[in-house]
Amino acid sequence: MPSFERSAVVDAARDVFWRRGYAETGIAELEEATGLTRSSIYNAFGSKRGLFDAVLSAYLDDVVRTRLRPLGGGDPGALEAYVDDMRAAIDADAPRARLGCLLLNAGSSPLASDDADVRALVSAYAAEMRAAIRAAVADRRPDLTPDAVGALAAVCASLVVAGLTLARADRDAALGTLASIPTTLESWGRA
C-alpha cells in the first residue's frame, strides 16, 4: 500500500509536465515536485512515461471533461460560458494560466510523432471536444440546418484549439481568438 496519495502526486507532476513538457522534464524534477523518490515513482507508475500517462488521463477527466460537461445540455448560452471560462483562465495572472492546454501541448510535441498512444489520446480529446461544441452550437442556433451546425461547430472548435495553443506564446492573441467565437456564433448564416 503506497504511503502517498496518488492524486496529489499526479497533480504535482502535472504542473511540471505542463510547464516543461514531457521530454524536458527530468526525473529529479518529478522527485522534487512530488516528494517521492525515483524508485517510488517507478514502483507506483512504472516509469516517467507511466506518470505522464496518469497526468494526461487525470487532466482529461478533471479539467477538460469538467469544462465540456455543460455543453449540449440544452442551455443556449453554454458555449459562450465555456469560452468566457477559458478566457478568464488565460487572462488570470496564475502560473497555469499561460501554459495552454496540456493535451494540445503534448499533441504538438515530438512525443506525439513517436507515440501512437499520445496521438490516439489527443485525437480522442479533439473528437470529444468537437462533439460537445457541436451539441452546444445546436442548442445555441436551432435555426440552422444540421450541416450548417456542423460547419459552425468546426469553426468554433478550431478557434478554441487556436486560442488554447496561442495561450502559451501570445496571451492577447489567444484572448482575441476566443473572443471571436460569440460573434461567429451570432453572425453565422445571417445576411
N, C-alpha and C. Protein backbone atom coordinates (compact mmCIF):
# COMPACT_ATOMS: atom_id res chain seq x y z
N MET A 1 0.85 -1.19 0.00
CA MET A 1 0.00 0.00 0.00
C MET A 1 0.89 1.24 0.00
N PRO A 2 0.74 2.12 -0.98
CA PRO A 2 1.58 3.31 -1.03
C PRO A 2 1.27 4.25 0.13
N SER A 3 2.34 4.93 0.59
CA SER A 3 2.16 5.87 1.71
C SER A 3 1.99 7.29 1.21
N PHE A 4 1.45 7.44 0.04
CA PHE A 4 1.19 8.75 -0.54
C PHE A 4 -0.15 8.71 -1.25
N GLU A 5 -0.71 9.88 -1.47
CA GLU A 5 -1.97 9.95 -2.19
C GLU A 5 -1.67 10.10 -3.67
N ARG A 6 -2.08 9.14 -4.44
CA ARG A 6 -1.79 9.09 -5.87
C ARG A 6 -2.24 10.36 -6.58
N SER A 7 -3.43 10.85 -6.28
CA SER A 7 -3.93 12.04 -6.97
C SER A 7 -3.08 13.27 -6.67
N ALA A 8 -2.55 13.37 -5.45
CA ALA A 8 -1.68 14.51 -5.11
C ALA A 8 -0.36 14.43 -5.89
N VAL A 9 0.15 13.23 -6.06
CA VAL A 9 1.38 13.04 -6.83
C VAL A 9 1.14 13.39 -8.29
N VAL A 10 0.03 12.93 -8.83
CA VAL A 10 -0.30 13.22 -10.23
C VAL A 10 -0.48 14.73 -10.43
N ASP A 11 -1.15 15.40 -9.50
CA ASP A 11 -1.32 16.86 -9.60
C ASP A 11 0.02 17.59 -9.56
N ALA A 12 0.90 17.17 -8.67
CA ALA A 12 2.21 17.81 -8.58
C ALA A 12 3.02 17.58 -9.85
N ALA A 13 2.97 16.38 -10.38
CA ALA A 13 3.69 16.07 -11.61
C ALA A 13 3.06 16.81 -12.80
N ARG A 14 1.75 17.00 -12.76
CA ARG A 14 1.07 17.72 -13.84
C ARG A 14 1.68 19.11 -14.03
N ASP A 15 1.90 19.81 -12.94
CA ASP A 15 2.46 21.15 -13.05
C ASP A 15 3.82 21.15 -13.72
N VAL A 16 4.65 20.16 -13.40
CA VAL A 16 5.99 20.08 -14.00
C VAL A 16 5.89 19.75 -15.49
N PHE A 17 5.12 18.72 -15.83
CA PHE A 17 4.97 18.34 -17.23
C PHE A 17 4.32 19.46 -18.04
N TRP A 18 3.36 20.14 -17.46
CA TRP A 18 2.65 21.20 -18.15
C TRP A 18 3.58 22.37 -18.45
N ARG A 19 4.41 22.68 -17.49
CA ARG A 19 5.34 23.81 -17.65
C ARG A 19 6.50 23.46 -18.57
N ARG A 20 7.06 22.25 -18.43
CA ARG A 20 8.30 21.90 -19.13
C ARG A 20 8.10 20.99 -20.34
N GLY A 21 7.00 20.27 -20.39
CA GLY A 21 6.81 19.28 -21.44
C GLY A 21 7.40 17.95 -21.02
N TYR A 22 6.99 16.90 -21.69
CA TYR A 22 7.46 15.56 -21.31
C TYR A 22 8.97 15.41 -21.49
N ALA A 23 9.46 15.74 -22.66
CA ALA A 23 10.87 15.50 -22.97
C ALA A 23 11.81 16.30 -22.08
N GLU A 24 11.42 17.52 -21.74
CA GLU A 24 12.29 18.40 -20.97
C GLU A 24 12.20 18.17 -19.46
N THR A 25 11.26 17.36 -19.03
CA THR A 25 11.09 17.10 -17.60
C THR A 25 12.02 15.96 -17.17
N GLY A 26 12.83 16.25 -16.18
CA GLY A 26 13.73 15.23 -15.65
C GLY A 26 13.12 14.55 -14.44
N ILE A 27 13.59 13.34 -14.19
CA ILE A 27 13.07 12.58 -13.05
C ILE A 27 13.39 13.29 -11.74
N ALA A 28 14.51 14.01 -11.67
CA ALA A 28 14.84 14.75 -10.45
C ALA A 28 13.80 15.84 -10.18
N GLU A 29 13.32 16.49 -11.24
CA GLU A 29 12.27 17.50 -11.08
C GLU A 29 10.97 16.86 -10.56
N LEU A 30 10.68 15.68 -11.05
CA LEU A 30 9.49 14.98 -10.60
C LEU A 30 9.63 14.53 -9.15
N GLU A 31 10.83 14.10 -8.78
CA GLU A 31 11.07 13.73 -7.37
C GLU A 31 10.84 14.94 -6.47
N GLU A 32 11.40 16.07 -6.86
CA GLU A 32 11.26 17.29 -6.06
C GLU A 32 9.80 17.73 -5.97
N ALA A 33 9.10 17.72 -7.09
CA ALA A 33 7.71 18.20 -7.12
C ALA A 33 6.76 17.29 -6.35
N THR A 34 6.99 15.98 -6.45
CA THR A 34 6.05 15.03 -5.86
C THR A 34 6.43 14.61 -4.44
N GLY A 35 7.70 14.79 -4.09
CA GLY A 35 8.17 14.33 -2.79
C GLY A 35 8.47 12.85 -2.77
N LEU A 36 8.39 12.20 -3.91
CA LEU A 36 8.69 10.77 -4.00
C LEU A 36 10.11 10.56 -4.49
N THR A 37 10.66 9.42 -4.15
CA THR A 37 11.96 9.04 -4.70
C THR A 37 11.74 8.44 -6.09
N ARG A 38 12.82 8.36 -6.82
CA ARG A 38 12.77 7.74 -8.15
C ARG A 38 12.18 6.34 -8.06
N SER A 39 12.62 5.56 -7.10
CA SER A 39 12.11 4.18 -7.00
C SER A 39 10.62 4.16 -6.67
N SER A 40 10.14 5.10 -5.87
CA SER A 40 8.71 5.16 -5.58
C SER A 40 7.91 5.53 -6.82
N ILE A 41 8.43 6.47 -7.60
CA ILE A 41 7.76 6.85 -8.87
C ILE A 41 7.68 5.64 -9.78
N TYR A 42 8.80 4.94 -9.92
CA TYR A 42 8.83 3.77 -10.81
C TYR A 42 7.96 2.63 -10.27
N ASN A 43 7.95 2.44 -8.95
CA ASN A 43 7.09 1.40 -8.37
C ASN A 43 5.61 1.72 -8.56
N ALA A 44 5.25 2.99 -8.41
CA ALA A 44 3.83 3.37 -8.48
C ALA A 44 3.34 3.51 -9.92
N PHE A 45 4.20 4.01 -10.82
CA PHE A 45 3.75 4.35 -12.17
C PHE A 45 4.47 3.58 -13.28
N GLY A 46 5.49 2.81 -12.92
CA GLY A 46 6.21 2.01 -13.90
C GLY A 46 7.37 2.74 -14.55
N SER A 47 7.21 4.04 -14.77
CA SER A 47 8.23 4.83 -15.45
C SER A 47 7.81 6.30 -15.44
N LYS A 48 8.68 7.14 -15.90
CA LYS A 48 8.33 8.56 -16.09
C LYS A 48 7.15 8.64 -17.06
N ARG A 49 7.18 7.83 -18.10
CA ARG A 49 6.10 7.82 -19.09
C ARG A 49 4.78 7.37 -18.46
N GLY A 50 4.84 6.40 -17.57
CA GLY A 50 3.64 5.96 -16.87
C GLY A 50 3.04 7.07 -16.04
N LEU A 51 3.89 7.86 -15.40
CA LEU A 51 3.42 9.01 -14.63
C LEU A 51 2.81 10.05 -15.57
N PHE A 52 3.45 10.27 -16.71
CA PHE A 52 2.91 11.22 -17.69
C PHE A 52 1.54 10.76 -18.19
N ASP A 53 1.39 9.48 -18.46
CA ASP A 53 0.10 8.95 -18.90
C ASP A 53 -0.97 9.18 -17.83
N ALA A 54 -0.61 8.98 -16.56
CA ALA A 54 -1.55 9.22 -15.46
C ALA A 54 -1.92 10.70 -15.38
N VAL A 55 -0.94 11.57 -15.64
CA VAL A 55 -1.19 13.01 -15.64
C VAL A 55 -2.17 13.38 -16.76
N LEU A 56 -1.93 12.86 -17.97
CA LEU A 56 -2.82 13.18 -19.09
C LEU A 56 -4.24 12.68 -18.83
N SER A 57 -4.35 11.49 -18.29
CA SER A 57 -5.67 10.93 -18.01
C SER A 57 -6.41 11.77 -16.96
N ALA A 58 -5.71 12.15 -15.91
CA ALA A 58 -6.33 12.98 -14.86
C ALA A 58 -6.70 14.36 -15.41
N TYR A 59 -5.85 14.93 -16.24
CA TYR A 59 -6.13 16.24 -16.84
C TYR A 59 -7.40 16.15 -17.70
N LEU A 60 -7.50 15.10 -18.48
CA LEU A 60 -8.68 14.91 -19.33
C LEU A 60 -9.95 14.82 -18.47
N ASP A 61 -9.89 14.06 -17.39
CA ASP A 61 -11.07 13.91 -16.53
C ASP A 61 -11.36 15.15 -15.70
N ASP A 62 -10.32 15.71 -15.07
CA ASP A 62 -10.51 16.79 -14.09
C ASP A 62 -10.67 18.17 -14.70
N VAL A 63 -10.01 18.42 -15.80
CA VAL A 63 -10.02 19.75 -16.40
C VAL A 63 -10.90 19.78 -17.65
N VAL A 64 -10.57 18.97 -18.62
CA VAL A 64 -11.25 19.03 -19.92
C VAL A 64 -12.72 18.62 -19.80
N ARG A 65 -12.98 17.45 -19.27
CA ARG A 65 -14.36 16.97 -19.22
C ARG A 65 -15.22 17.80 -18.28
N THR A 66 -14.63 18.36 -17.25
CA THR A 66 -15.37 19.25 -16.36
C THR A 66 -15.86 20.47 -17.13
N ARG A 67 -15.03 20.98 -18.01
CA ARG A 67 -15.43 22.15 -18.81
C ARG A 67 -16.38 21.77 -19.94
N LEU A 68 -16.23 20.60 -20.51
CA LEU A 68 -17.08 20.20 -21.63
C LEU A 68 -18.47 19.73 -21.18
N ARG A 69 -18.57 19.23 -19.97
CA ARG A 69 -19.81 18.61 -19.48
C ARG A 69 -21.06 19.47 -19.70
N PRO A 70 -21.04 20.78 -19.43
CA PRO A 70 -22.27 21.57 -19.60
C PRO A 70 -22.68 21.80 -21.06
N LEU A 71 -21.77 21.55 -22.00
CA LEU A 71 -22.08 21.81 -23.40
C LEU A 71 -23.07 20.77 -23.93
N GLY A 72 -24.08 21.24 -24.64
CA GLY A 72 -25.05 20.33 -25.23
C GLY A 72 -26.12 19.87 -24.28
N GLY A 73 -26.25 20.54 -23.15
CA GLY A 73 -27.27 20.15 -22.18
C GLY A 73 -28.56 20.93 -22.33
N GLY A 74 -28.71 21.66 -23.44
CA GLY A 74 -29.93 22.41 -23.68
C GLY A 74 -29.82 23.89 -23.37
N ASP A 75 -28.75 24.33 -22.76
CA ASP A 75 -28.56 25.74 -22.43
C ASP A 75 -27.99 26.47 -23.63
N PRO A 76 -28.75 27.41 -24.24
CA PRO A 76 -28.25 28.11 -25.42
C PRO A 76 -27.04 28.99 -25.14
N GLY A 77 -26.77 29.32 -23.88
CA GLY A 77 -25.61 30.15 -23.54
C GLY A 77 -24.40 29.35 -23.06
N ALA A 78 -24.47 28.03 -23.14
CA ALA A 78 -23.39 27.20 -22.59
C ALA A 78 -22.07 27.39 -23.32
N LEU A 79 -22.09 27.54 -24.63
CA LEU A 79 -20.84 27.69 -25.37
C LEU A 79 -20.17 29.02 -25.02
N GLU A 80 -20.96 30.08 -24.92
CA GLU A 80 -20.39 31.37 -24.53
C GLU A 80 -19.81 31.30 -23.12
N ALA A 81 -20.47 30.59 -22.21
CA ALA A 81 -19.96 30.43 -20.84
C ALA A 81 -18.65 29.64 -20.85
N TYR A 82 -18.58 28.62 -21.68
CA TYR A 82 -17.37 27.81 -21.84
C TYR A 82 -16.22 28.68 -22.32
N VAL A 83 -16.48 29.50 -23.33
CA VAL A 83 -15.46 30.39 -23.87
C VAL A 83 -15.06 31.44 -22.84
N ASP A 84 -16.04 32.01 -22.14
CA ASP A 84 -15.73 33.00 -21.09
C ASP A 84 -14.85 32.40 -20.01
N ASP A 85 -15.14 31.15 -19.64
CA ASP A 85 -14.34 30.46 -18.62
C ASP A 85 -12.89 30.29 -19.09
N MET A 86 -12.71 29.89 -20.35
CA MET A 86 -11.36 29.73 -20.88
C MET A 86 -10.64 31.07 -20.97
N ARG A 87 -11.34 32.09 -21.41
CA ARG A 87 -10.73 33.42 -21.49
C ARG A 87 -10.31 33.91 -20.10
N ALA A 88 -11.15 33.70 -19.11
CA ALA A 88 -10.81 34.12 -17.75
C ALA A 88 -9.58 33.35 -17.24
N ALA A 89 -9.50 32.06 -17.56
CA ALA A 89 -8.35 31.26 -17.14
C ALA A 89 -7.07 31.75 -17.80
N ILE A 90 -7.13 32.05 -19.09
CA ILE A 90 -5.94 32.52 -19.81
C ILE A 90 -5.55 33.92 -19.35
N ASP A 91 -6.54 34.74 -19.05
CA ASP A 91 -6.29 36.12 -18.65
C ASP A 91 -5.83 36.24 -17.19
N ALA A 92 -6.04 35.20 -16.40
CA ALA A 92 -5.66 35.23 -14.99
C ALA A 92 -4.14 35.31 -14.85
N ASP A 93 -3.72 35.92 -13.80
CA ASP A 93 -2.29 36.02 -13.53
C ASP A 93 -1.88 34.88 -12.61
N ALA A 94 -2.04 33.68 -13.11
CA ALA A 94 -1.72 32.48 -12.33
C ALA A 94 -0.73 31.63 -13.12
N PRO A 95 0.06 30.81 -12.45
CA PRO A 95 1.08 30.03 -13.14
C PRO A 95 0.54 29.15 -14.28
N ARG A 96 -0.60 28.51 -14.08
CA ARG A 96 -1.14 27.62 -15.12
C ARG A 96 -1.81 28.40 -16.26
N ALA A 97 -2.15 29.66 -16.01
CA ALA A 97 -2.95 30.42 -16.96
C ALA A 97 -2.29 30.58 -18.32
N ARG A 98 -0.99 30.64 -18.35
CA ARG A 98 -0.29 30.90 -19.61
C ARG A 98 0.33 29.65 -20.22
N LEU A 99 -0.09 28.49 -19.78
CA LEU A 99 0.53 27.26 -20.25
C LEU A 99 -0.22 26.59 -21.39
N GLY A 100 -1.37 27.12 -21.78
CA GLY A 100 -2.15 26.49 -22.83
C GLY A 100 -2.80 25.20 -22.34
N CYS A 101 -3.14 24.36 -23.25
CA CYS A 101 -3.80 23.09 -22.95
C CYS A 101 -2.74 21.98 -22.90
N LEU A 102 -2.69 21.27 -21.81
CA LEU A 102 -1.70 20.20 -21.65
C LEU A 102 -1.80 19.15 -22.76
N LEU A 103 -3.02 18.78 -23.13
CA LEU A 103 -3.18 17.76 -24.19
C LEU A 103 -2.74 18.30 -25.55
N LEU A 104 -3.10 19.54 -25.85
CA LEU A 104 -2.65 20.11 -27.13
C LEU A 104 -1.13 20.28 -27.14
N ASN A 105 -0.57 20.67 -26.00
CA ASN A 105 0.89 20.77 -25.92
C ASN A 105 1.53 19.41 -26.19
N ALA A 106 0.99 18.36 -25.58
CA ALA A 106 1.52 17.01 -25.80
C ALA A 106 1.35 16.59 -27.25
N GLY A 107 0.21 16.95 -27.84
CA GLY A 107 -0.07 16.58 -29.22
C GLY A 107 0.81 17.28 -30.23
N SER A 108 1.37 18.42 -29.86
CA SER A 108 2.25 19.13 -30.80
C SER A 108 3.72 18.96 -30.44
N SER A 109 4.00 18.07 -29.52
CA SER A 109 5.39 17.82 -29.11
C SER A 109 5.99 16.66 -29.91
N PRO A 110 7.30 16.50 -29.86
CA PRO A 110 7.91 15.36 -30.54
C PRO A 110 7.39 14.02 -30.05
N LEU A 111 6.94 13.95 -28.79
CA LEU A 111 6.41 12.71 -28.26
C LEU A 111 5.25 12.19 -29.11
N ALA A 112 4.39 13.09 -29.58
CA ALA A 112 3.24 12.67 -30.39
C ALA A 112 3.66 12.09 -31.73
N SER A 113 4.79 12.55 -32.26
CA SER A 113 5.25 12.00 -33.54
C SER A 113 5.72 10.56 -33.38
N ASP A 114 6.20 10.24 -32.19
CA ASP A 114 6.79 8.93 -31.96
C ASP A 114 5.87 7.95 -31.24
N ASP A 115 4.74 8.43 -30.72
CA ASP A 115 3.94 7.59 -29.84
C ASP A 115 2.48 7.56 -30.27
N ALA A 116 2.04 6.40 -30.72
CA ALA A 116 0.66 6.24 -31.18
C ALA A 116 -0.35 6.43 -30.05
N ASP A 117 0.03 6.08 -28.82
CA ASP A 117 -0.90 6.25 -27.69
C ASP A 117 -1.19 7.71 -27.43
N VAL A 118 -0.17 8.56 -27.50
CA VAL A 118 -0.38 10.00 -27.30
C VAL A 118 -1.23 10.56 -28.44
N ARG A 119 -0.92 10.16 -29.66
CA ARG A 119 -1.72 10.62 -30.81
C ARG A 119 -3.17 10.20 -30.65
N ALA A 120 -3.40 8.98 -30.23
CA ALA A 120 -4.77 8.48 -30.05
C ALA A 120 -5.49 9.25 -28.95
N LEU A 121 -4.81 9.52 -27.84
CA LEU A 121 -5.42 10.26 -26.74
C LEU A 121 -5.79 11.67 -27.17
N VAL A 122 -4.89 12.34 -27.87
CA VAL A 122 -5.16 13.71 -28.32
C VAL A 122 -6.27 13.71 -29.36
N SER A 123 -6.27 12.74 -30.25
CA SER A 123 -7.34 12.65 -31.26
C SER A 123 -8.69 12.40 -30.60
N ALA A 124 -8.71 11.54 -29.60
CA ALA A 124 -9.97 11.26 -28.88
C ALA A 124 -10.44 12.51 -28.15
N TYR A 125 -9.52 13.24 -27.54
CA TYR A 125 -9.86 14.51 -26.88
C TYR A 125 -10.45 15.48 -27.89
N ALA A 126 -9.81 15.63 -29.04
CA ALA A 126 -10.30 16.56 -30.07
C ALA A 126 -11.69 16.16 -30.54
N ALA A 127 -11.93 14.88 -30.73
CA ALA A 127 -13.25 14.41 -31.17
C ALA A 127 -14.30 14.67 -30.09
N GLU A 128 -13.94 14.45 -28.83
CA GLU A 128 -14.87 14.71 -27.72
C GLU A 128 -15.20 16.20 -27.64
N MET A 129 -14.17 17.04 -27.80
CA MET A 129 -14.39 18.48 -27.76
C MET A 129 -15.27 18.92 -28.94
N ARG A 130 -14.99 18.43 -30.13
CA ARG A 130 -15.79 18.80 -31.30
C ARG A 130 -17.25 18.37 -31.13
N ALA A 131 -17.48 17.18 -30.60
CA ALA A 131 -18.86 16.70 -30.38
C ALA A 131 -19.59 17.57 -29.36
N ALA A 132 -18.90 17.94 -28.29
CA ALA A 132 -19.52 18.79 -27.27
C ALA A 132 -19.84 20.18 -27.84
N ILE A 133 -18.90 20.72 -28.60
CA ILE A 133 -19.13 22.03 -29.21
C ILE A 133 -20.24 21.95 -30.25
N ARG A 134 -20.30 20.87 -30.99
CA ARG A 134 -21.39 20.71 -31.97
C ARG A 134 -22.74 20.70 -31.27
N ALA A 135 -22.84 19.97 -30.16
CA ALA A 135 -24.09 19.93 -29.40
C ALA A 135 -24.44 21.31 -28.85
N ALA A 136 -23.44 22.05 -28.40
CA ALA A 136 -23.67 23.40 -27.87
C ALA A 136 -24.10 24.37 -28.97
N VAL A 137 -23.51 24.23 -30.15
CA VAL A 137 -23.91 25.07 -31.29
C VAL A 137 -25.36 24.76 -31.67
N ALA A 138 -25.73 23.49 -31.66
CA ALA A 138 -27.12 23.13 -31.97
C ALA A 138 -28.08 23.74 -30.96
N ASP A 139 -27.68 23.79 -29.68
CA ASP A 139 -28.52 24.43 -28.66
C ASP A 139 -28.59 25.94 -28.88
N ARG A 140 -27.50 26.52 -29.28
CA ARG A 140 -27.42 27.99 -29.44
C ARG A 140 -28.09 28.46 -30.72
N ARG A 141 -27.99 27.65 -31.77
CA ARG A 141 -28.52 28.07 -33.08
C ARG A 141 -29.46 27.02 -33.65
N PRO A 142 -30.64 26.84 -33.03
CA PRO A 142 -31.59 25.84 -33.53
C PRO A 142 -32.15 26.20 -34.90
N ASP A 143 -31.90 27.42 -35.37
CA ASP A 143 -32.37 27.86 -36.67
C ASP A 143 -31.54 27.29 -37.82
N LEU A 144 -30.39 26.70 -37.52
CA LEU A 144 -29.50 26.21 -38.58
C LEU A 144 -29.81 24.76 -38.95
N THR A 145 -29.49 24.43 -40.18
CA THR A 145 -29.60 23.04 -40.62
C THR A 145 -28.50 22.22 -39.95
N PRO A 146 -28.65 20.91 -39.92
CA PRO A 146 -27.59 20.09 -39.33
C PRO A 146 -26.22 20.30 -39.99
N ASP A 147 -26.21 20.47 -41.32
CA ASP A 147 -24.94 20.72 -42.00
C ASP A 147 -24.33 22.05 -41.57
N ALA A 148 -25.16 23.08 -41.44
CA ALA A 148 -24.66 24.39 -41.01
C ALA A 148 -24.18 24.34 -39.56
N VAL A 149 -24.89 23.59 -38.72
CA VAL A 149 -24.45 23.40 -37.33
C VAL A 149 -23.06 22.75 -37.32
N GLY A 150 -22.89 21.72 -38.14
CA GLY A 150 -21.60 21.03 -38.22
C GLY A 150 -20.48 21.95 -38.69
N ALA A 151 -20.77 22.76 -39.70
CA ALA A 151 -19.75 23.69 -40.20
C ALA A 151 -19.40 24.75 -39.17
N LEU A 152 -20.40 25.32 -38.52
CA LEU A 152 -20.16 26.33 -37.49
C LEU A 152 -19.42 25.73 -36.30
N ALA A 153 -19.79 24.52 -35.91
CA ALA A 153 -19.11 23.85 -34.80
C ALA A 153 -17.64 23.60 -35.14
N ALA A 154 -17.36 23.23 -36.39
CA ALA A 154 -15.97 23.01 -36.80
C ALA A 154 -15.16 24.30 -36.68
N VAL A 155 -15.76 25.41 -37.09
CA VAL A 155 -15.08 26.70 -36.98
C VAL A 155 -14.86 27.05 -35.50
N CYS A 156 -15.88 26.89 -34.68
CA CYS A 156 -15.75 27.22 -33.25
C CYS A 156 -14.71 26.33 -32.58
N ALA A 157 -14.71 25.04 -32.88
CA ALA A 157 -13.72 24.13 -32.30
C ALA A 157 -12.32 24.52 -32.74
N SER A 158 -12.17 24.91 -33.99
CA SER A 158 -10.86 25.36 -34.48
C SER A 158 -10.40 26.61 -33.77
N LEU A 159 -11.33 27.52 -33.50
CA LEU A 159 -10.97 28.74 -32.77
C LEU A 159 -10.58 28.41 -31.33
N VAL A 160 -11.25 27.45 -30.71
CA VAL A 160 -10.88 27.03 -29.35
C VAL A 160 -9.46 26.45 -29.36
N VAL A 161 -9.19 25.55 -30.30
CA VAL A 161 -7.85 24.95 -30.39
C VAL A 161 -6.80 26.03 -30.63
N ALA A 162 -7.08 26.95 -31.54
CA ALA A 162 -6.13 28.03 -31.81
C ALA A 162 -5.90 28.88 -30.56
N GLY A 163 -6.97 29.23 -29.87
CA GLY A 163 -6.83 30.04 -28.65
C GLY A 163 -6.02 29.33 -27.59
N LEU A 164 -6.29 28.06 -27.37
CA LEU A 164 -5.57 27.30 -26.35
C LEU A 164 -4.11 27.07 -26.74
N THR A 165 -3.85 26.98 -28.03
CA THR A 165 -2.47 26.82 -28.49
C THR A 165 -1.70 28.13 -28.37
N LEU A 166 -2.36 29.23 -28.71
CA LEU A 166 -1.71 30.54 -28.63
C LEU A 166 -1.47 31.00 -27.19
N ALA A 167 -2.23 30.49 -26.25
CA ALA A 167 -2.15 30.94 -24.85
C ALA A 167 -0.74 30.89 -24.31
N ARG A 168 0.02 29.92 -24.71
CA ARG A 168 1.38 29.74 -24.21
C ARG A 168 2.33 30.82 -24.70
N ALA A 169 2.12 31.29 -25.92
CA ALA A 169 3.07 32.24 -26.52
C ALA A 169 2.55 33.67 -26.62
N ASP A 170 1.25 33.82 -26.79
CA ASP A 170 0.70 35.17 -27.03
C ASP A 170 -0.69 35.27 -26.41
N ARG A 171 -0.73 35.68 -25.15
CA ARG A 171 -1.99 35.74 -24.41
C ARG A 171 -3.01 36.61 -25.11
N ASP A 172 -2.60 37.79 -25.60
CA ASP A 172 -3.56 38.69 -26.24
C ASP A 172 -4.17 38.07 -27.49
N ALA A 173 -3.35 37.41 -28.29
CA ALA A 173 -3.88 36.74 -29.49
C ALA A 173 -4.83 35.61 -29.09
N ALA A 174 -4.49 34.88 -28.04
CA ALA A 174 -5.37 33.80 -27.56
C ALA A 174 -6.71 34.37 -27.13
N LEU A 175 -6.67 35.44 -26.35
CA LEU A 175 -7.91 36.06 -25.87
C LEU A 175 -8.73 36.59 -27.04
N GLY A 176 -8.08 37.22 -28.00
CA GLY A 176 -8.80 37.74 -29.17
C GLY A 176 -9.42 36.64 -30.00
N THR A 177 -8.71 35.54 -30.16
CA THR A 177 -9.24 34.40 -30.92
C THR A 177 -10.48 33.85 -30.25
N LEU A 178 -10.41 33.65 -28.94
CA LEU A 178 -11.57 33.13 -28.21
C LEU A 178 -12.72 34.14 -28.19
N ALA A 179 -12.39 35.42 -28.14
CA ALA A 179 -13.43 36.46 -28.12
C ALA A 179 -14.21 36.50 -29.43
N SER A 180 -13.64 35.97 -30.50
CA SER A 180 -14.35 35.98 -31.79
C SER A 180 -15.44 34.91 -31.87
N ILE A 181 -15.46 33.98 -30.96
CA ILE A 181 -16.44 32.88 -31.04
C ILE A 181 -17.87 33.36 -30.88
N PRO A 182 -18.22 34.18 -29.88
CA PRO A 182 -19.62 34.62 -29.77
C PRO A 182 -20.12 35.37 -31.01
N THR A 183 -19.27 36.20 -31.59
CA THR A 183 -19.66 36.92 -32.81
C THR A 183 -19.86 35.95 -33.96
N THR A 184 -18.99 34.98 -34.06
CA THR A 184 -19.11 33.97 -35.11
C THR A 184 -20.41 33.18 -34.93
N LEU A 185 -20.71 32.82 -33.69
CA LEU A 185 -21.96 32.10 -33.41
C LEU A 185 -23.18 32.90 -33.84
N GLU A 186 -23.16 34.18 -33.53
CA GLU A 186 -24.31 35.03 -33.82
C GLU A 186 -24.47 35.32 -35.30
N SER A 187 -23.37 35.57 -35.99
CA SER A 187 -23.45 36.05 -37.38
C SER A 187 -23.50 34.93 -38.41
N TRP A 188 -23.17 33.71 -38.03
CA TRP A 188 -23.09 32.60 -38.99
C TRP A 188 -24.41 32.41 -39.71
N GLY A 189 -24.36 32.45 -41.03
CA GLY A 189 -25.53 32.19 -41.84
C GLY A 189 -26.54 33.31 -41.91
N ARG A 190 -26.20 34.46 -41.37
CA ARG A 190 -27.11 35.59 -41.41
C ARG A 190 -26.56 36.64 -42.38
N ALA A 191 -27.46 37.24 -43.13
CA ALA A 191 -27.03 38.22 -44.14
C ALA A 191 -26.59 39.53 -43.54
